[in-house]
Amino acid sequence: MSLLRNRIMWAAALLIISIAAPGWLGAYFLGVLTTAYYFGVFAMSWDLLFGFAGEVNFGPTFLIGVGAYGAGLMNNAGYSIPISLLAGTAAAVVGGLLLALPALRLRGPYFGLVTLVAVLLLLDFIVIFASVTGGEIGMMVPDVLSVSATLNYYYALGFLVISAVILYGLSRSPVGLILQATGQDRIEAAALGFNVTKHKLAAFCISAFFSGLAGGLVTFYGGLASVDTVVSLAITVNIVIAVVFGGRRTILGAILGSIFLILAGELLRPIGQLNTFVVSAVALAVIIFFPDGALGWLLRPRDPT
C-alpha cells in the first residue's frame, strides 16, 4: 500500500505542476513538453507489450506510422480530424493484428525481427508511393489541432493522463497479471490454463490502439506526417531507452523517461553534437546502476537506519 500511495502522491504532484506549467513557461518549452507527452504515450504503449507480455517489439514505429499516415491520408481526402484519427487508429490496430497473428507464434528473437522488418517495409512503402505519402519529405495535412501552444499543450497533457490511467489500470488488472505471468514463464502460464497467445494478442492490439492514436495526434499537432517524426528507427531506440530509463514494467516510468530524453535534448542543444552523447551517457548510467529505472529508485523504500 505504501508503494501505491507513493506513486499516487508523485503522480498527483507532477500533474499539478504540469497543469500549471503554461503559467510560467513560454511557447517554446510548452512545445517541447507537448512533444514529450506524445512520446510518453508511445513509450507506455511499448512497455505494456515488452514489460508485461515479455515480447521484444522492435517495431513500435510501424504502429505509430500506420496511425499517423492513415490519419493524414484521410484528412487529405477531406475528412475531419476526429474521423481521420478514428480511421488512422483503426488502421494501426488492424495492421498490428495482421502483424501479431503470425509473429506471436514465433519464439525467441524472431518476433522482434518480424516487427523490425515491418518497419522497414513501411519505410519502403512511404518512399515508393511518395506521390501520395510525400516520401522522405513528409505529408502535409490541411488541418491542425490548434495554433495555440497552450491549447496544444493541454490536448497532449489530457491525452497522456487518460492513456496513463487506462494503461496503468490495465497493467494492475487480472489481465495485466496474466500478461506478466506469460512474459516471465510462458510454459508455466499455459500449464495453469491461461491462453497465452490470446492475452499477448490483446496486449499487442491495445498497444497498437494507443500508438496509432498518438501517431495521428502528432500528425495533427505538427501538421505533418514524416519518416523522421513517426517512423524512424531512431524513434524506436529512444522509446526503448525511455522505458528502461524510467522503469520497465511500471507504465508511469515511461513518462518520466520520455520527458527526460526530450527535455534534456533541448536544454543541451547549445553544446552541439555532444548533446546526444551526454543524454545517452546519463541514461546509460541510470540503466546500469539503477536496474529498476529512475522511477523504481525514487519509489524505493528508504531504510530509516
Protein backbone atom coordinates (compact mmCIF):
# COMPACT_ATOMS: atom_id res chain seq x y z
CA MET A 1 0.00 0.00 0.00
CA SER A 2 2.85 2.40 0.80
CA LEU A 3 4.29 1.92 -2.70
CA LEU A 4 0.91 2.61 -4.29
CA ARG A 5 0.47 5.65 -2.05
CA ASN A 6 3.88 6.97 -3.07
CA ARG A 7 3.05 6.52 -6.74
CA ILE A 8 -0.25 8.34 -6.32
CA MET A 9 1.44 11.20 -4.47
CA TRP A 10 4.18 11.56 -7.08
CA ALA A 11 1.65 11.37 -9.91
CA ALA A 12 -0.63 13.96 -8.28
CA ALA A 13 2.28 16.36 -7.65
CA LEU A 14 3.53 16.06 -11.22
CA LEU A 15 0.01 16.51 -12.59
CA ILE A 16 -0.50 19.71 -10.61
CA ILE A 17 2.83 21.07 -11.82
CA SER A 18 2.00 20.08 -15.41
CA ILE A 19 -1.42 21.75 -15.32
CA ALA A 20 0.11 24.97 -14.01
CA ALA A 21 3.09 24.91 -16.41
CA PRO A 22 1.59 27.28 -19.05
CA GLY A 23 1.53 29.94 -16.33
CA TRP A 24 5.32 30.28 -16.28
CA LEU A 25 6.60 28.53 -19.40
CA GLY A 26 6.88 30.16 -22.80
CA ALA A 27 5.53 28.76 -26.07
CA TYR A 28 8.85 27.12 -26.95
CA PHE A 29 9.09 24.92 -23.88
CA LEU A 30 5.37 24.21 -23.99
CA GLY A 31 6.01 22.82 -27.46
CA VAL A 32 8.89 20.69 -26.15
CA LEU A 33 6.71 19.25 -23.39
CA THR A 34 3.85 18.68 -25.82
CA THR A 35 6.16 16.50 -27.92
CA ALA A 36 7.40 14.74 -24.77
CA TYR A 37 3.83 13.91 -23.70
CA TYR A 38 3.00 12.27 -27.01
CA PHE A 39 6.31 10.42 -26.86
CA GLY A 40 5.32 9.28 -23.37
CA VAL A 41 2.26 7.55 -24.81
CA PHE A 42 4.49 5.83 -27.38
CA ALA A 43 6.70 4.57 -24.56
CA MET A 44 3.85 3.47 -22.27
CA SER A 45 2.29 1.50 -25.10
CA TRP A 46 5.60 -0.23 -25.79
CA ASP A 47 6.11 -1.00 -22.08
CA LEU A 48 2.78 -2.84 -21.94
CA LEU A 49 3.97 -5.25 -24.61
CA PHE A 50 7.62 -5.55 -23.55
CA GLY A 51 7.50 -5.04 -19.79
CA PHE A 52 4.46 -7.17 -19.11
CA ALA A 53 3.94 -9.51 -22.06
CA GLY A 54 7.67 -10.06 -22.43
CA GLU A 55 7.67 -9.54 -26.19
CA VAL A 56 10.58 -7.52 -27.58
CA ASN A 57 8.86 -5.38 -30.18
CA PHE A 58 11.44 -3.62 -32.37
CA GLY A 59 8.70 -2.11 -34.47
CA PRO A 60 6.65 0.32 -32.37
CA THR A 61 7.06 2.89 -35.13
CA PHE A 62 5.22 0.58 -37.52
CA LEU A 63 2.09 1.02 -35.40
CA ILE A 64 2.77 4.72 -34.85
CA GLY A 65 3.45 5.30 -38.54
CA VAL A 66 0.36 3.47 -39.75
CA GLY A 67 -1.78 5.54 -37.39
CA ALA A 68 -0.09 8.80 -38.39
CA TYR A 69 -0.16 8.27 -42.15
CA GLY A 70 -3.61 6.70 -42.05
CA ALA A 71 -5.00 9.77 -40.28
CA GLY A 72 -3.10 12.10 -42.63
CA LEU A 73 -4.38 10.40 -45.77
CA MET A 74 -7.97 10.57 -44.52
CA ASN A 75 -7.61 14.26 -43.69
CA ASN A 76 -6.17 14.96 -47.13
CA ALA A 77 -9.19 13.16 -48.57
CA GLY A 78 -11.43 15.75 -46.94
CA TYR A 79 -12.42 14.08 -43.67
CA SER A 80 -12.44 15.89 -40.33
CA ILE A 81 -9.78 15.40 -37.66
CA PRO A 82 -11.93 13.15 -35.39
CA ILE A 83 -12.90 10.83 -38.26
CA SER A 84 -9.32 10.82 -39.56
CA LEU A 85 -7.98 9.93 -36.10
CA LEU A 86 -10.53 7.14 -35.79
CA ALA A 87 -9.58 5.75 -39.20
CA GLY A 88 -5.84 6.01 -38.51
CA THR A 89 -6.20 4.28 -35.14
CA ALA A 90 -8.33 1.53 -36.68
CA ALA A 91 -5.68 1.04 -39.38
CA ALA A 92 -2.98 0.73 -36.71
CA VAL A 93 -5.00 -1.87 -34.79
CA VAL A 94 -5.76 -3.88 -37.94
CA GLY A 95 -2.14 -3.63 -39.07
CA GLY A 96 -0.97 -4.67 -35.62
CA LEU A 97 -3.37 -7.59 -35.60
CA LEU A 98 -2.21 -8.79 -39.02
CA LEU A 99 1.39 -8.49 -37.86
CA ALA A 100 0.89 -10.11 -34.46
CA LEU A 101 -1.12 -13.15 -35.55
CA PRO A 102 1.79 -14.86 -37.31
CA ALA A 103 4.57 -13.19 -35.30
CA LEU A 104 3.33 -14.32 -31.88
CA ARG A 105 3.66 -17.93 -32.96
CA LEU A 106 7.41 -17.42 -33.17
CA ARG A 107 9.84 -17.85 -30.29
CA GLY A 108 12.95 -16.06 -29.12
CA PRO A 109 14.29 -13.18 -31.20
CA TYR A 110 12.18 -14.00 -34.26
CA PHE A 111 9.21 -11.97 -33.04
CA GLY A 112 11.43 -8.91 -32.72
CA LEU A 113 12.89 -9.48 -36.18
CA VAL A 114 9.43 -9.69 -37.73
CA THR A 115 8.39 -6.38 -36.15
CA LEU A 116 11.65 -4.77 -37.29
CA VAL A 117 11.09 -5.94 -40.87
CA ALA A 118 7.58 -4.47 -40.70
CA VAL A 119 9.07 -1.03 -40.03
CA LEU A 120 11.47 -1.40 -42.97
CA LEU A 121 8.56 -2.39 -45.23
CA LEU A 122 6.60 0.67 -44.10
CA LEU A 123 9.60 2.88 -44.85
CA ASP A 124 9.86 1.37 -48.33
CA PHE A 125 6.12 1.86 -48.87
CA ILE A 126 6.37 5.53 -47.93
CA VAL A 127 9.24 6.08 -50.37
CA ILE A 128 7.76 4.04 -53.24
CA PHE A 129 4.38 5.77 -53.04
CA ALA A 130 5.88 9.22 -52.50
CA SER A 131 3.22 10.81 -54.72
CA VAL A 132 0.68 10.02 -52.01
CA THR A 133 2.75 9.87 -48.81
CA GLY A 134 5.16 12.69 -49.57
CA GLY A 135 8.12 10.32 -49.41
CA GLU A 136 11.05 11.31 -47.22
CA ILE A 137 9.92 14.94 -47.23
CA GLY A 138 6.67 14.13 -45.47
CA MET A 139 2.96 14.51 -46.00
CA MET A 140 1.30 17.79 -45.08
CA VAL A 141 -2.24 17.82 -43.69
CA PRO A 142 -4.73 20.66 -44.18
CA ASP A 143 -5.99 20.69 -40.59
CA VAL A 144 -4.20 21.06 -37.25
CA LEU A 145 -5.40 20.63 -33.69
CA SER A 146 -4.75 24.28 -32.81
CA VAL A 147 -2.40 27.18 -33.49
CA SER A 148 -2.30 27.94 -29.77
CA ALA A 149 0.73 26.49 -27.97
CA THR A 150 -1.21 26.41 -24.70
CA LEU A 151 -4.19 24.59 -26.17
CA ASN A 152 -1.92 22.08 -27.93
CA TYR A 153 -0.15 21.53 -24.63
CA TYR A 154 -3.39 20.75 -22.82
CA TYR A 155 -4.52 18.42 -25.61
CA ALA A 156 -1.30 16.43 -25.22
CA LEU A 157 -1.42 16.50 -21.41
CA GLY A 158 -5.04 15.34 -21.33
CA PHE A 159 -4.30 12.53 -23.76
CA LEU A 160 -1.25 11.49 -21.72
CA VAL A 161 -3.18 11.42 -18.45
CA ILE A 162 -6.10 9.44 -19.88
CA SER A 163 -3.74 6.98 -21.56
CA ALA A 164 -1.68 6.59 -18.37
CA VAL A 165 -4.76 5.91 -16.23
CA ILE A 166 -6.08 3.29 -18.66
CA LEU A 167 -2.74 1.56 -19.28
CA TYR A 168 -1.70 1.62 -15.62
CA GLY A 169 -5.09 0.29 -14.55
CA LEU A 170 -4.89 -2.42 -17.16
CA SER A 171 -1.39 -3.41 -16.06
CA ARG A 172 -2.65 -3.86 -12.48
CA SER A 173 -5.81 -5.75 -13.52
CA PRO A 174 -6.12 -9.56 -13.77
CA VAL A 175 -5.27 -9.23 -17.47
CA GLY A 176 -2.06 -7.41 -16.59
CA LEU A 177 -1.11 -10.05 -14.05
CA ILE A 178 -1.68 -12.80 -16.61
CA LEU A 179 0.45 -10.90 -19.12
CA GLN A 180 3.20 -10.60 -16.55
CA ALA A 181 2.99 -14.31 -15.81
CA THR A 182 3.17 -15.22 -19.50
CA GLY A 183 6.08 -12.87 -20.00
CA GLN A 184 8.07 -14.46 -17.17
CA ASP A 185 7.29 -18.10 -17.94
CA ARG A 186 5.16 -18.87 -20.97
CA ILE A 187 5.09 -22.63 -20.39
CA GLU A 188 4.07 -22.41 -16.74
CA ALA A 189 1.37 -19.84 -17.55
CA ALA A 190 -0.04 -22.16 -20.21
CA ALA A 191 0.08 -25.07 -17.75
CA LEU A 192 -2.06 -23.02 -15.36
CA GLY A 193 -4.74 -22.80 -18.04
CA PHE A 194 -4.10 -19.30 -19.40
CA ASN A 195 -4.43 -18.72 -23.13
CA VAL A 196 -1.00 -17.17 -23.66
CA THR A 197 -1.43 -16.27 -27.33
CA LYS A 198 -4.83 -14.65 -26.77
CA HIS A 199 -3.58 -12.42 -23.96
CA LYS A 200 -0.45 -11.38 -25.84
CA LEU A 201 -2.54 -10.64 -28.91
CA ALA A 202 -4.81 -8.46 -26.78
CA ALA A 203 -1.77 -6.62 -25.42
CA PHE A 204 -0.49 -6.05 -28.96
CA CYS A 205 -3.85 -4.64 -30.08
CA ILE A 206 -4.06 -2.32 -27.06
CA SER A 207 -0.51 -1.14 -27.73
CA ALA A 208 -1.44 -0.59 -31.38
CA PHE A 209 -4.51 1.43 -30.41
CA PHE A 210 -2.65 3.93 -28.23
CA SER A 211 0.39 4.04 -30.53
CA GLY A 212 -1.76 4.66 -33.60
CA LEU A 213 -3.89 7.31 -31.91
CA ALA A 214 -0.80 9.08 -30.57
CA GLY A 215 0.75 8.96 -34.04
CA GLY A 216 -2.35 10.57 -35.53
CA LEU A 217 -2.38 13.29 -32.88
CA VAL A 218 1.29 14.05 -33.54
CA THR A 219 0.42 14.49 -37.22
CA PHE A 220 -2.33 16.99 -36.45
CA TYR A 221 -0.16 18.73 -33.87
CA GLY A 222 2.70 19.42 -36.27
CA GLY A 223 0.64 19.46 -39.46
CA LEU A 224 2.92 16.84 -40.98
CA ALA A 225 3.45 13.08 -41.07
CA SER A 226 7.05 12.24 -41.88
CA VAL A 227 9.59 9.46 -41.51
CA ASP A 228 11.65 11.48 -39.03
CA THR A 229 8.73 12.19 -36.72
CA VAL A 230 6.83 8.90 -36.63
CA VAL A 231 8.62 6.03 -38.41
CA SER A 232 12.38 6.45 -37.99
CA LEU A 233 14.26 3.61 -36.28
CA ALA A 234 15.87 6.28 -34.08
CA ILE A 235 12.44 6.79 -32.52
CA THR A 236 12.33 3.09 -31.65
CA VAL A 237 15.71 3.36 -29.92
CA ASN A 238 14.56 6.37 -27.91
CA ILE A 239 11.35 4.60 -26.91
CA VAL A 240 13.37 1.65 -25.58
CA ILE A 241 15.73 3.96 -23.70
CA ALA A 242 12.83 5.96 -22.23
CA VAL A 243 11.14 2.83 -20.87
CA VAL A 244 14.29 1.28 -19.42
CA PHE A 245 15.49 4.61 -18.03
CA GLY A 246 12.14 5.41 -16.41
CA GLY A 247 11.48 1.89 -15.17
CA ARG A 248 10.40 -1.16 -17.08
CA ARG A 249 7.08 -2.73 -16.12
CA THR A 250 5.87 0.43 -14.39
CA ILE A 251 4.00 2.17 -17.26
CA LEU A 252 4.37 5.51 -15.46
CA GLY A 253 8.16 5.29 -15.63
CA ALA A 254 7.90 5.57 -19.40
CA ILE A 255 6.53 9.10 -18.96
CA LEU A 256 9.46 10.09 -16.78
CA GLY A 257 11.95 8.64 -19.25
CA SER A 258 10.28 10.36 -22.20
CA ILE A 259 10.24 13.78 -20.55
CA PHE A 260 13.90 13.38 -19.58
CA LEU A 261 15.02 12.44 -23.10
CA ILE A 262 13.09 15.19 -24.89
CA LEU A 263 13.67 17.96 -22.34
CA ALA A 264 17.35 17.17 -21.77
CA GLY A 265 17.91 17.02 -25.50
CA GLU A 266 16.52 20.53 -25.93
CA LEU A 267 18.29 22.04 -22.90
CA LEU A 268 21.64 20.67 -24.06
CA ARG A 269 21.17 21.69 -27.69
CA PRO A 270 23.69 24.59 -27.33
CA ILE A 271 26.57 22.12 -26.86
CA GLY A 272 26.01 20.77 -30.37
CA GLN A 273 26.90 17.18 -31.16
CA LEU A 274 27.81 16.47 -27.54
CA ASN A 275 24.09 16.78 -26.82
CA THR A 276 23.24 13.19 -27.76
CA PHE A 277 26.38 11.85 -26.08
CA VAL A 278 25.63 13.47 -22.70
CA VAL A 279 21.95 12.44 -22.70
CA SER A 280 22.81 8.87 -23.71
CA ALA A 281 25.59 8.67 -21.09
CA VAL A 282 23.24 9.75 -18.30
CA ALA A 283 20.58 7.30 -19.46
CA LEU A 284 23.17 4.50 -19.64
CA ALA A 285 24.41 5.27 -16.11
CA VAL A 286 20.87 5.06 -14.73
CA ILE A 287 20.23 1.79 -16.58
CA ILE A 288 23.46 0.25 -15.23
CA PHE A 289 23.37 1.44 -11.62
CA PHE A 290 19.59 1.51 -11.12
CA PRO A 291 18.14 -1.59 -12.84
CA ASP A 292 14.63 -0.66 -11.70
CA GLY A 293 14.91 2.66 -13.51
CA ALA A 294 14.57 6.20 -12.22
CA LEU A 295 11.01 5.68 -11.01
CA GLY A 296 11.96 2.48 -9.20
CA TRP A 297 14.77 4.34 -7.44
CA LEU A 298 12.52 7.24 -6.46
CA LEU A 299 9.84 4.95 -5.04
CA ARG A 300 12.21 2.51 -3.35
CA PRO A 301 11.52 2.29 0.41
CA ARG A 302 14.32 4.00 2.33
CA ASP A 303 15.93 2.32 5.33
CA PRO A 304 15.43 4.72 8.27
CA THR A 305 18.60 3.43 9.91
